[in-house]
Full PDB file with SEQRES, HELIX, SHEET, SSBOND, CRYST1, ORIGX, SCALE, CONECT and MASTER records, all heavy atoms in Angstrom:
SEQRES   1 A   40  ILE LYS GLY MET THR TRP ARG TRP LEU ILE ASN VAL ILE          
SEQRES   2 A   40  GLY VAL ILE VAL ILE VAL ILE LEU LEU ILE GLN ILE VAL          
SEQRES   3 A   40  ALA ILE PHE PHE ILE SER ASP SER TYR TYR SER ALA VAL          
SEQRES   4 A   40  ARG                                                          
HELIX    1 AA1 LYS A    2  VAL A   39  1                                  38    
CRYST1    1.000    1.000    1.000  90.00  90.00  90.00 P 1           1          
ORIGX1      1.000000  0.000000  0.000000        0.00000                         
ORIGX2      0.000000  1.000000  0.000000        0.00000                         
ORIGX3      0.000000  0.000000  1.000000        0.00000                         
SCALE1      1.000000  0.000000  0.000000        0.00000                         
SCALE2      0.000000  1.000000  0.000000        0.00000                         
SCALE3      0.000000  0.000000  1.000000        0.00000                         
ATOM      1  N   ILE A   1     189.013 312.338 152.741  1.00  0.00           N  
ATOM      2  CA  ILE A   1     189.923 311.501 151.945  1.00  0.00           C  
ATOM      3  C   ILE A   1     190.461 310.345 152.790  1.00  0.00           C  
ATOM      4  O   ILE A   1     190.490 309.188 152.384  1.00  0.00           O  
ATOM      5  CB  ILE A   1     191.042 312.336 151.358  1.00  0.00           C  
ATOM      6  CG1 ILE A   1     190.539 313.302 150.341  1.00  0.00           C  
ATOM      7  CG2 ILE A   1     192.126 311.444 150.741  1.00  0.00           C  
ATOM      8  CD1 ILE A   1     191.553 314.273 149.885  1.00  0.00           C  
ATOM      9  N   LYS A   2     190.850 310.683 154.002  1.00  0.00           N  
ATOM     10  CA  LYS A   2     191.391 309.701 154.946  1.00  0.00           C  
ATOM     11  C   LYS A   2     190.358 308.623 155.251  1.00  0.00           C  
ATOM     12  O   LYS A   2     190.633 307.403 155.216  1.00  0.00           O  
ATOM     13  CB  LYS A   2     191.918 310.339 156.247  1.00  0.00           C  
ATOM     14  CG  LYS A   2     192.549 309.347 157.156  1.00  0.00           C  
ATOM     15  CD  LYS A   2     193.117 310.060 158.377  1.00  0.00           C  
ATOM     16  CE  LYS A   2     193.757 309.073 159.350  1.00  0.00           C  
ATOM     17  NZ  LYS A   2     194.248 309.754 160.527  1.00  0.00           N  
ATOM     18  N   GLY A   3     189.107 309.007 155.540  1.00  0.00           N  
ATOM     19  CA  GLY A   3     188.073 308.066 155.834  1.00  0.00           C  
ATOM     20  C   GLY A   3     187.741 307.186 154.644  1.00  0.00           C  
ATOM     21  O   GLY A   3     187.514 305.998 154.731  1.00  0.00           O  
ATOM     22  N   MET A   4     187.716 307.795 153.408  1.00  0.00           N  
ATOM     23  CA  MET A   4     187.440 306.975 152.251  1.00  0.00           C  
ATOM     24  C   MET A   4     188.494 305.956 151.927  1.00  0.00           C  
ATOM     25  O   MET A   4     188.266 304.807 151.611  1.00  0.00           O  
ATOM     26  CB  MET A   4     187.178 307.909 151.013  1.00  0.00           C  
ATOM     27  CG  MET A   4     185.981 308.709 151.093  1.00  0.00           C  
ATOM     28  SD  MET A   4     185.860 309.927 149.751  1.00  0.00           S  
ATOM     29  CE  MET A   4     185.803 308.783 148.348  1.00  0.00           C  
ATOM     30  N   THR A   5     189.792 306.376 152.069  1.00  0.00           N  
ATOM     31  CA  THR A   5     190.855 305.461 151.743  1.00  0.00           C  
ATOM     32  C   THR A   5     190.937 304.307 152.798  1.00  0.00           C  
ATOM     33  O   THR A   5     191.141 303.163 152.433  1.00  0.00           O  
ATOM     34  CB  THR A   5     192.202 306.232 151.787  1.00  0.00           C  
ATOM     35  OG1 THR A   5     192.326 307.003 152.960  1.00  0.00           O  
ATOM     36  CG2 THR A   5     192.275 307.179 150.607  1.00  0.00           C  
ATOM     37  N   TRP A   6     190.648 304.663 154.012  1.00  0.00           N  
ATOM     38  CA  TRP A   6     190.706 303.599 155.059  1.00  0.00           C  
ATOM     39  C   TRP A   6     189.556 302.589 154.892  1.00  0.00           C  
ATOM     40  O   TRP A   6     189.721 301.446 155.039  1.00  0.00           O  
ATOM     41  CB  TRP A   6     190.697 304.169 156.484  1.00  0.00           C  
ATOM     42  CG  TRP A   6     192.073 304.560 156.992  1.00  0.00           C  
ATOM     43  CD1 TRP A   6     192.541 305.779 157.124  1.00  0.00           C  
ATOM     44  CD2 TRP A   6     193.076 303.646 157.344  1.00  0.00           C  
ATOM     45  NE1 TRP A   6     193.859 305.775 157.547  1.00  0.00           N  
ATOM     46  CE2 TRP A   6     194.205 304.459 157.699  1.00  0.00           C  
ATOM     47  CE3 TRP A   6     193.169 302.289 157.407  1.00  0.00           C  
ATOM     48  CZ2 TRP A   6     195.389 303.894 158.132  1.00  0.00           C  
ATOM     49  CZ3 TRP A   6     194.380 301.698 157.846  1.00  0.00           C  
ATOM     50  CH2 TRP A   6     195.469 302.498 158.162  1.00  0.00           C  
ATOM     51  N   ARG A   7     188.347 303.134 154.514  1.00  0.00           N  
ATOM     52  CA  ARG A   7     187.256 302.201 154.212  1.00  0.00           C  
ATOM     53  C   ARG A   7     187.524 301.338 153.033  1.00  0.00           C  
ATOM     54  O   ARG A   7     187.149 300.155 153.036  1.00  0.00           O  
ATOM     55  CB  ARG A   7     185.955 303.100 153.974  1.00  0.00           C  
ATOM     56  CG  ARG A   7     185.324 303.531 155.176  1.00  0.00           C  
ATOM     57  CD  ARG A   7     183.862 304.039 154.937  1.00  0.00           C  
ATOM     58  NE  ARG A   7     183.834 305.077 153.951  1.00  0.00           N  
ATOM     59  CZ  ARG A   7     183.961 306.390 154.243  1.00  0.00           C  
ATOM     60  NH1 ARG A   7     184.108 306.774 155.496  1.00  0.00           N  
ATOM     61  NH2 ARG A   7     183.844 307.319 153.241  1.00  0.00           N  
ATOM     62  N   TRP A   8     188.153 301.897 152.001  1.00  0.00           N  
ATOM     63  CA  TRP A   8     188.523 301.099 150.866  1.00  0.00           C  
ATOM     64  C   TRP A   8     189.497 300.006 151.227  1.00  0.00           C  
ATOM     65  O   TRP A   8     189.354 298.873 150.817  1.00  0.00           O  
ATOM     66  CB  TRP A   8     189.151 301.992 149.827  1.00  0.00           C  
ATOM     67  CG  TRP A   8     189.735 301.292 148.656  1.00  0.00           C  
ATOM     68  CD1 TRP A   8     189.136 300.853 147.547  1.00  0.00           C  
ATOM     69  CD2 TRP A   8     191.160 300.916 148.445  1.00  0.00           C  
ATOM     70  NE1 TRP A   8     190.004 300.180 146.728  1.00  0.00           N  
ATOM     71  CE2 TRP A   8     191.242 300.221 147.276  1.00  0.00           C  
ATOM     72  CE3 TRP A   8     192.291 301.148 149.231  1.00  0.00           C  
ATOM     73  CZ2 TRP A   8     192.435 299.696 146.781  1.00  0.00           C  
ATOM     74  CZ3 TRP A   8     193.492 300.634 148.809  1.00  0.00           C  
ATOM     75  CH2 TRP A   8     193.539 299.893 147.563  1.00  0.00           C  
ATOM     76  N   LEU A   9     190.510 300.346 152.053  1.00  0.00           N  
ATOM     77  CA  LEU A   9     191.471 299.324 152.525  1.00  0.00           C  
ATOM     78  C   LEU A   9     190.807 298.222 153.340  1.00  0.00           C  
ATOM     79  O   LEU A   9     191.097 297.072 153.076  1.00  0.00           O  
ATOM     80  CB  LEU A   9     192.536 300.041 153.332  1.00  0.00           C  
ATOM     81  CG  LEU A   9     193.631 299.114 153.953  1.00  0.00           C  
ATOM     82  CD1 LEU A   9     194.425 298.461 152.812  1.00  0.00           C  
ATOM     83  CD2 LEU A   9     194.596 299.920 154.842  1.00  0.00           C  
ATOM     84  N   ILE A  10     189.947 298.607 154.200  1.00  0.00           N  
ATOM     85  CA  ILE A  10     189.238 297.599 155.062  1.00  0.00           C  
ATOM     86  C   ILE A  10     188.396 296.708 154.221  1.00  0.00           C  
ATOM     87  O   ILE A  10     188.405 295.451 154.386  1.00  0.00           O  
ATOM     88  CB  ILE A  10     188.378 298.288 156.163  1.00  0.00           C  
ATOM     89  CG1 ILE A  10     189.284 298.968 157.178  1.00  0.00           C  
ATOM     90  CG2 ILE A  10     187.470 297.298 156.828  1.00  0.00           C  
ATOM     91  CD1 ILE A  10     188.564 299.861 158.187  1.00  0.00           C  
ATOM     92  N   ASN A  11     187.713 297.250 153.236  1.00  0.00           N  
ATOM     93  CA  ASN A  11     186.908 296.384 152.370  1.00  0.00           C  
ATOM     94  C   ASN A  11     187.758 295.426 151.556  1.00  0.00           C  
ATOM     95  O   ASN A  11     187.439 294.235 151.304  1.00  0.00           O  
ATOM     96  CB  ASN A  11     186.089 297.317 151.395  1.00  0.00           C  
ATOM     97  CG  ASN A  11     185.019 298.053 152.121  1.00  0.00           C  
ATOM     98  OD1 ASN A  11     184.537 297.628 153.195  1.00  0.00           O  
ATOM     99  ND2 ASN A  11     184.616 299.206 151.561  1.00  0.00           N  
ATOM    100  N   VAL A  12     188.876 295.971 150.980  1.00  0.00           N  
ATOM    101  CA  VAL A  12     189.740 295.087 150.213  1.00  0.00           C  
ATOM    102  C   VAL A  12     190.331 293.997 151.083  1.00  0.00           C  
ATOM    103  O   VAL A  12     190.285 292.799 150.661  1.00  0.00           O  
ATOM    104  CB  VAL A  12     190.899 295.924 149.532  1.00  0.00           C  
ATOM    105  CG1 VAL A  12     191.930 295.008 148.923  1.00  0.00           C  
ATOM    106  CG2 VAL A  12     190.286 296.905 148.499  1.00  0.00           C  
ATOM    107  N   ILE A  13     190.836 294.312 152.224  1.00  0.00           N  
ATOM    108  CA  ILE A  13     191.395 293.326 153.133  1.00  0.00           C  
ATOM    109  C   ILE A  13     190.347 292.335 153.556  1.00  0.00           C  
ATOM    110  O   ILE A  13     190.625 291.129 153.690  1.00  0.00           O  
ATOM    111  CB  ILE A  13     192.030 294.022 154.379  1.00  0.00           C  
ATOM    112  CG1 ILE A  13     193.275 294.818 153.930  1.00  0.00           C  
ATOM    113  CG2 ILE A  13     192.483 293.006 155.365  1.00  0.00           C  
ATOM    114  CD1 ILE A  13     193.946 295.602 155.023  1.00  0.00           C  
ATOM    115  N   GLY A  14     189.148 292.811 153.857  1.00  0.00           N  
ATOM    116  CA  GLY A  14     188.115 291.896 154.233  1.00  0.00           C  
ATOM    117  C   GLY A  14     187.796 290.854 153.156  1.00  0.00           C  
ATOM    118  O   GLY A  14     187.616 289.690 153.491  1.00  0.00           O  
ATOM    119  N   VAL A  15     187.731 291.280 151.912  1.00  0.00           N  
ATOM    120  CA  VAL A  15     187.536 290.356 150.747  1.00  0.00           C  
ATOM    121  C   VAL A  15     188.671 289.360 150.713  1.00  0.00           C  
ATOM    122  O   VAL A  15     188.454 288.189 150.538  1.00  0.00           O  
ATOM    123  CB  VAL A  15     187.379 291.114 149.435  1.00  0.00           C  
ATOM    124  CG1 VAL A  15     187.360 290.118 148.287  1.00  0.00           C  
ATOM    125  CG2 VAL A  15     186.145 291.969 149.470  1.00  0.00           C  
ATOM    126  N   ILE A  16     189.931 289.817 150.863  1.00  0.00           N  
ATOM    127  CA  ILE A  16     191.076 288.984 150.763  1.00  0.00           C  
ATOM    128  C   ILE A  16     191.063 287.970 151.926  1.00  0.00           C  
ATOM    129  O   ILE A  16     191.360 286.738 151.723  1.00  0.00           O  
ATOM    130  CB  ILE A  16     192.342 289.771 150.808  1.00  0.00           C  
ATOM    131  CG1 ILE A  16     192.471 290.624 149.553  1.00  0.00           C  
ATOM    132  CG2 ILE A  16     193.581 288.886 150.945  1.00  0.00           C  
ATOM    133  CD1 ILE A  16     193.683 291.579 149.525  1.00  0.00           C  
ATOM    134  N   VAL A  17     190.708 288.389 153.127  1.00  0.00           N  
ATOM    135  CA  VAL A  17     190.690 287.495 154.252  1.00  0.00           C  
ATOM    136  C   VAL A  17     189.586 286.389 154.055  1.00  0.00           C  
ATOM    137  O   VAL A  17     189.797 285.193 154.345  1.00  0.00           O  
ATOM    138  CB  VAL A  17     190.347 288.251 155.583  1.00  0.00           C  
ATOM    139  CG1 VAL A  17     190.032 287.313 156.717  1.00  0.00           C  
ATOM    140  CG2 VAL A  17     191.588 289.127 155.941  1.00  0.00           C  
ATOM    141  N   ILE A  18     188.426 286.748 153.531  1.00  0.00           N  
ATOM    142  CA  ILE A  18     187.383 285.783 153.259  1.00  0.00           C  
ATOM    143  C   ILE A  18     187.857 284.770 152.200  1.00  0.00           C  
ATOM    144  O   ILE A  18     187.638 283.530 152.304  1.00  0.00           O  
ATOM    145  CB  ILE A  18     186.102 286.501 152.753  1.00  0.00           C  
ATOM    146  CG1 ILE A  18     185.515 287.335 153.865  1.00  0.00           C  
ATOM    147  CG2 ILE A  18     185.116 285.457 152.221  1.00  0.00           C  
ATOM    148  CD1 ILE A  18     184.283 288.170 153.483  1.00  0.00           C  
ATOM    149  N   VAL A  19     188.572 285.259 151.172  1.00  0.00           N  
ATOM    150  CA  VAL A  19     189.049 284.352 150.118  1.00  0.00           C  
ATOM    151  C   VAL A  19     190.106 283.389 150.715  1.00  0.00           C  
ATOM    152  O   VAL A  19     190.102 282.181 150.424  1.00  0.00           O  
ATOM    153  CB  VAL A  19     189.675 285.147 148.930  1.00  0.00           C  
ATOM    154  CG1 VAL A  19     190.443 284.211 148.008  1.00  0.00           C  
ATOM    155  CG2 VAL A  19     188.640 285.916 148.247  1.00  0.00           C  
ATOM    156  N   ILE A  20     191.006 283.936 151.577  1.00  0.00           N  
ATOM    157  CA  ILE A  20     191.986 283.085 152.220  1.00  0.00           C  
ATOM    158  C   ILE A  20     191.329 282.041 153.062  1.00  0.00           C  
ATOM    159  O   ILE A  20     191.709 280.875 153.150  1.00  0.00           O  
ATOM    160  CB  ILE A  20     193.026 283.950 153.047  1.00  0.00           C  
ATOM    161  CG1 ILE A  20     193.867 284.767 152.108  1.00  0.00           C  
ATOM    162  CG2 ILE A  20     193.868 283.000 153.904  1.00  0.00           C  
ATOM    163  CD1 ILE A  20     194.724 285.786 152.876  1.00  0.00           C  
ATOM    164  N   LEU A  21     190.280 282.418 153.865  1.00  0.00           N  
ATOM    165  CA  LEU A  21     189.559 281.549 154.741  1.00  0.00           C  
ATOM    166  C   LEU A  21     188.885 280.386 153.860  1.00  0.00           C  
ATOM    167  O   LEU A  21     188.944 279.247 154.275  1.00  0.00           O  
ATOM    168  CB  LEU A  21     188.450 282.238 155.507  1.00  0.00           C  
ATOM    169  CG  LEU A  21     187.661 281.465 156.481  1.00  0.00           C  
ATOM    170  CD1 LEU A  21     188.545 280.798 157.566  1.00  0.00           C  
ATOM    171  CD2 LEU A  21     186.603 282.316 157.119  1.00  0.00           C  
ATOM    172  N   LEU A  22     188.314 280.721 152.790  1.00  0.00           N  
ATOM    173  CA  LEU A  22     187.710 279.749 151.917  1.00  0.00           C  
ATOM    174  C   LEU A  22     188.731 278.763 151.390  1.00  0.00           C  
ATOM    175  O   LEU A  22     188.505 277.536 151.300  1.00  0.00           O  
ATOM    176  CB  LEU A  22     186.950 280.388 150.760  1.00  0.00           C  
ATOM    177  CG  LEU A  22     185.680 281.205 151.177  1.00  0.00           C  
ATOM    178  CD1 LEU A  22     185.097 281.911 149.910  1.00  0.00           C  
ATOM    179  CD2 LEU A  22     184.583 280.253 151.748  1.00  0.00           C  
ATOM    180  N   ILE A  23     189.875 279.273 150.970  1.00  0.00           N  
ATOM    181  CA  ILE A  23     190.984 278.454 150.495  1.00  0.00           C  
ATOM    182  C   ILE A  23     191.427 277.460 151.577  1.00  0.00           C  
ATOM    183  O   ILE A  23     191.691 276.284 151.289  1.00  0.00           O  
ATOM    184  CB  ILE A  23     192.135 279.295 149.980  1.00  0.00           C  
ATOM    185  CG1 ILE A  23     191.698 280.035 148.692  1.00  0.00           C  
ATOM    186  CG2 ILE A  23     193.355 278.435 149.652  1.00  0.00           C  
ATOM    187  CD1 ILE A  23     192.795 281.022 148.214  1.00  0.00           C  
ATOM    188  N   GLN A  24     191.527 277.985 152.813  1.00  0.00           N  
ATOM    189  CA  GLN A  24     191.913 277.179 153.888  1.00  0.00           C  
ATOM    190  C   GLN A  24     190.905 276.012 154.147  1.00  0.00           C  
ATOM    191  O   GLN A  24     191.260 274.834 154.402  1.00  0.00           O  
ATOM    192  CB  GLN A  24     192.108 277.979 155.171  1.00  0.00           C  
ATOM    193  CG  GLN A  24     193.285 278.888 155.190  1.00  0.00           C  
ATOM    194  CD  GLN A  24     193.382 279.694 156.480  1.00  0.00           C  
ATOM    195  OE1 GLN A  24     192.429 280.205 157.001  1.00  0.00           O  
ATOM    196  NE2 GLN A  24     194.566 279.808 156.978  1.00  0.00           N  
ATOM    197  N   ILE A  25     189.646 276.355 154.137  1.00  0.00           N  
ATOM    198  CA  ILE A  25     188.553 275.290 154.328  1.00  0.00           C  
ATOM    199  C   ILE A  25     188.669 274.222 153.271  1.00  0.00           C  
ATOM    200  O   ILE A  25     188.625 273.001 153.612  1.00  0.00           O  
ATOM    201  CB  ILE A  25     187.186 275.979 154.334  1.00  0.00           C  
ATOM    202  CG1 ILE A  25     187.058 276.872 155.594  1.00  0.00           C  
ATOM    203  CG2 ILE A  25     186.126 274.931 154.371  1.00  0.00           C  
ATOM    204  CD1 ILE A  25     185.752 277.657 155.549  1.00  0.00           C  
ATOM    205  N   VAL A  26     188.861 274.637 152.028  1.00  0.00           N  
ATOM    206  CA  VAL A  26     188.925 273.673 150.928  1.00  0.00           C  
ATOM    207  C   VAL A  26     190.199 272.831 151.108  1.00  0.00           C  
ATOM    208  O   VAL A  26     190.181 271.626 150.849  1.00  0.00           O  
ATOM    209  CB  VAL A  26     188.963 274.366 149.562  1.00  0.00           C  
ATOM    210  CG1 VAL A  26     189.248 273.405 148.464  1.00  0.00           C  
ATOM    211  CG2 VAL A  26     187.594 275.057 149.353  1.00  0.00           C  
ATOM    212  N   ALA A  27     191.357 273.439 151.450  1.00  0.00           N  
ATOM    213  CA  ALA A  27     192.611 272.765 151.681  1.00  0.00           C  
ATOM    214  C   ALA A  27     192.477 271.706 152.754  1.00  0.00           C  
ATOM    215  O   ALA A  27     192.963 270.591 152.590  1.00  0.00           O  
ATOM    216  CB  ALA A  27     193.680 273.769 151.912  1.00  0.00           C  
ATOM    217  N   ILE A  28     191.928 272.092 153.843  1.00  0.00           N  
ATOM    218  CA  ILE A  28     191.765 271.140 155.009  1.00  0.00           C  
ATOM    219  C   ILE A  28     190.882 269.978 154.637  1.00  0.00           C  
ATOM    220  O   ILE A  28     191.140 268.798 154.913  1.00  0.00           O  
ATOM    221  CB  ILE A  28     191.216 271.830 156.185  1.00  0.00           C  
ATOM    222  CG1 ILE A  28     192.295 272.814 156.782  1.00  0.00           C  
ATOM    223  CG2 ILE A  28     190.903 270.811 157.344  1.00  0.00           C  
ATOM    224  CD1 ILE A  28     193.584 272.217 157.119  1.00  0.00           C  
ATOM    225  N   PHE A  29     189.848 270.294 153.905  1.00  0.00           N  
ATOM    226  CA  PHE A  29     188.898 269.211 153.480  1.00  0.00           C  
ATOM    227  C   PHE A  29     189.620 268.250 152.469  1.00  0.00           C  
ATOM    228  O   PHE A  29     189.438 267.038 152.587  1.00  0.00           O  
ATOM    229  CB  PHE A  29     187.647 269.791 152.797  1.00  0.00           C  
ATOM    230  CG  PHE A  29     186.711 268.772 152.166  1.00  0.00           C  
ATOM    231  CD1 PHE A  29     185.806 268.099 152.941  1.00  0.00           C  
ATOM    232  CD2 PHE A  29     186.789 268.453 150.785  1.00  0.00           C  
ATOM    233  CE1 PHE A  29     184.975 267.149 152.378  1.00  0.00           C  
ATOM    234  CE2 PHE A  29     185.987 267.504 150.236  1.00  0.00           C  
ATOM    235  CZ  PHE A  29     185.050 266.841 151.049  1.00  0.00           C  
ATOM    236  N   PHE A  30     190.389 268.820 151.586  1.00  0.00           N  
ATOM    237  CA  PHE A  30     191.143 267.996 150.658  1.00  0.00           C  
ATOM    238  C   PHE A  30     192.164 267.111 151.366  1.00  0.00           C  
ATOM    239  O   PHE A  30     192.317 265.946 151.050  1.00  0.00           O  
ATOM    240  CB  PHE A  30     191.780 268.907 149.624  1.00  0.00           C  
ATOM    241  CG  PHE A  30     192.693 268.179 148.617  1.00  0.00           C  
ATOM    242  CD1 PHE A  30     192.103 267.464 147.533  1.00  0.00           C  
ATOM    243  CD2 PHE A  30     194.001 268.176 148.739  1.00  0.00           C  
ATOM    244  CE1 PHE A  30     192.864 266.774 146.664  1.00  0.00           C  
ATOM    245  CE2 PHE A  30     194.820 267.478 147.847  1.00  0.00           C  
ATOM    246  CZ  PHE A  30     194.231 266.792 146.816  1.00  0.00           C  
ATOM    247  N   ILE A  31     192.871 267.720 152.261  1.00  0.00           N  
ATOM    248  CA  ILE A  31     193.956 266.997 153.026  1.00  0.00           C  
ATOM    249  C   ILE A  31     193.303 265.862 153.821  1.00  0.00           C  
ATOM    250  O   ILE A  31     193.755 264.742 153.797  1.00  0.00           O  
ATOM    251  CB  ILE A  31     194.693 267.996 153.966  1.00  0.00           C  
ATOM    252  CG1 ILE A  31     195.604 268.927 153.127  1.00  0.00           C  
ATOM    253  CG2 ILE A  31     195.622 267.170 154.875  1.00  0.00           C  
ATOM    254  CD1 ILE A  31     196.174 270.027 153.964  1.00  0.00           C  
ATOM    255  N   SER A  32     192.232 266.203 154.546  1.00  0.00           N  
ATOM    256  CA  SER A  32     191.539 265.148 155.378  1.00  0.00           C  
ATOM    257  C   SER A  32     191.035 263.994 154.467  1.00  0.00           C  
ATOM    258  O   SER A  32     191.196 262.830 154.798  1.00  0.00           O  
ATOM    259  CB  SER A  32     190.415 265.779 156.122  1.00  0.00           C  
ATOM    260  OG  SER A  32     189.688 264.817 156.843  1.00  0.00           O  
ATOM    261  N   ASP A  33     190.375 264.384 153.367  1.00  0.00           N  
ATOM    262  CA  ASP A  33     189.785 263.339 152.488  1.00  0.00           C  
ATOM    263  C   ASP A  33     190.908 262.530 151.860  1.00  0.00           C  
ATOM    264  O   ASP A  33     190.716 261.286 151.701  1.00  0.00           O  
ATOM    265  CB  ASP A  33     188.996 264.042 151.419  1.00  0.00           C  
ATOM    266  CG  ASP A  33     188.291 263.055 150.475  1.00  0.00           C  
ATOM    267  OD1 ASP A  33     187.387 262.402 150.963  1.00  0.00           O  
ATOM    268  OD2 ASP A  33     188.661 263.001 149.288  1.00  0.00           O  
ATOM    269  N   SER A  34     192.040 263.138 151.534  1.00  0.00           N  
ATOM    270  CA  SER A  34     193.144 262.363 150.983  1.00  0.00           C  
ATOM    271  C   SER A  34     193.707 261.353 151.930  1.00  0.00           C  
ATOM    272  O   SER A  34     193.933 260.181 151.577  1.00  0.00           O  
ATOM    273  CB  SER A  34     194.263 263.341 150.546  1.00  0.00           C  
ATOM    274  OG  SER A  34     193.815 264.211 149.494  1.00  0.00           O  
ATOM    275  N   TYR A  35     193.937 261.725 153.183  1.00  0.00           N  
ATOM    276  CA  TYR A  35     194.412 260.812 154.162  1.00  0.00           C  
ATOM    277  C   TYR A  35     193.418 259.633 154.450  1.00  0.00           C  
ATOM    278  O   TYR A  35     193.835 258.511 154.401  1.00  0.00           O  
ATOM    279  CB  TYR A  35     194.712 261.522 155.524  1.00  0.00           C  
ATOM    280  CG  TYR A  35     196.041 262.191 155.631  1.00  0.00           C  
ATOM    281  CD1 TYR A  35     196.187 263.558 155.433  1.00  0.00           C  
ATOM    282  CD2 TYR A  35     197.147 261.420 155.885  1.00  0.00           C  
ATOM    283  CE1 TYR A  35     197.393 264.140 155.462  1.00  0.00           C  
ATOM    284  CE2 TYR A  35     198.408 262.032 156.014  1.00  0.00           C  
ATOM    285  CZ  TYR A  35     198.536 263.386 155.779  1.00  0.00           C  
ATOM    286  OH  TYR A  35     199.787 263.987 155.886  1.00  0.00           O  
ATOM    287  N   TYR A  36     192.142 259.962 154.625  1.00  0.00           N  
ATOM    288  CA  TYR A  36     191.195 258.963 154.882  1.00  0.00           C  
ATOM    289  C   TYR A  36     190.971 258.001 153.680  1.00  0.00           C  
ATOM    290  O   TYR A  36     190.792 256.795 153.850  1.00  0.00           O  
ATOM    291  CB  TYR A  36     189.863 259.587 155.350  1.00  0.00           C  
ATOM    292  CG  TYR A  36     189.796 259.877 156.780  1.00  0.00           C  
ATOM    293  CD1 TYR A  36     190.538 260.844 157.359  1.00  0.00           C  
ATOM    294  CD2 TYR A  36     188.938 259.067 157.581  1.00  0.00           C  
ATOM    295  CE1 TYR A  36     190.513 261.108 158.718  1.00  0.00           C  
ATOM    296  CE2 TYR A  36     188.922 259.402 158.980  1.00  0.00           C  
ATOM    297  CZ  TYR A  36     189.719 260.343 159.544  1.00  0.00           C  
ATOM    298  OH  TYR A  36     189.684 260.588 160.877  1.00  0.00           O  
ATOM    299  N   SER A  37     191.049 258.595 152.441  1.00  0.00           N  
ATOM    300  CA  SER A  37     190.889 257.790 151.286  1.00  0.00           C  
ATOM    301  C   SER A  37     192.024 256.794 151.144  1.00  0.00           C  
ATOM    302  O   SER A  37     191.866 255.646 150.751  1.00  0.00           O  
ATOM    303  CB  SER A  37     190.803 258.698 150.019  1.00  0.00           C  
ATOM    304  OG  SER A  37     189.612 259.443 150.054  1.00  0.00           O  
ATOM    305  N   ALA A  38     193.233 257.287 151.504  1.00  0.00           N  
ATOM    306  CA  ALA A  38     194.440 256.368 151.391  1.00  0.00           C  
ATOM    307  C   ALA A  38     194.312 255.221 152.425  1.00  0.00           C  
ATOM    308  O   ALA A  38     194.561 254.136 152.086  1.00  0.00           O  
ATOM    309  CB  ALA A  38     195.697 257.182 151.682  1.00  0.00           C  
ATOM    310  N   VAL A  39     193.847 255.519 153.609  1.00  0.00           N  
ATOM    311  CA  VAL A  39     193.696 254.475 154.663  1.00  0.00           C  
ATOM    312  C   VAL A  39     192.613 253.523 154.223  1.00  0.00           C  
ATOM    313  O   VAL A  39     192.705 252.274 154.340  1.00  0.00           O  
ATOM    314  CB  VAL A  39     193.334 255.062 155.997  1.00  0.00           C  
ATOM    315  CG1 VAL A  39     192.994 253.994 156.994  1.00  0.00           C  
ATOM    316  CG2 VAL A  39     194.467 255.960 156.576  1.00  0.00           C  
ATOM    317  N   ARG A  40     191.475 254.058 153.707  1.00  0.00           N  
ATOM    318  CA  ARG A  40     190.357 253.203 153.256  1.00  0.00           C  
ATOM    319  C   ARG A  40     190.786 252.324 152.123  1.00  0.00           C  
ATOM    320  O   ARG A  40     190.515 251.085 152.141  1.00  0.00           O  
ATOM    321  CB  ARG A  40     189.218 254.134 152.773  1.00  0.00           C  
ATOM    322  CG  ARG A  40     187.953 253.381 152.339  1.00  0.00           C  
ATOM    323  CD  ARG A  40     186.894 254.327 151.981  1.00  0.00           C  
ATOM    324  NE  ARG A  40     186.441 255.079 153.109  1.00  0.00           N  
ATOM    325  CZ  ARG A  40     186.634 256.401 153.300  1.00  0.00           C  
ATOM    326  NH1 ARG A  40     187.290 257.081 152.434  1.00  0.00           N  
ATOM    327  NH2 ARG A  40     186.088 257.002 154.368  1.00  0.00           N  
TER     328      ARG A  40                                                      
MASTER        0    0    0    1    0    0    0    6  327    1    0    4          
END                                                                             
């Protein structure tokens, strides 16, 4: 039971971390593009 629950937690956290990372990449791209577009 302990092994299954910990594997479940790791899988869930892993998915959440990947989603957060993707959101960060999109946010940085949007911020960078907004600044450069304003200067342009």
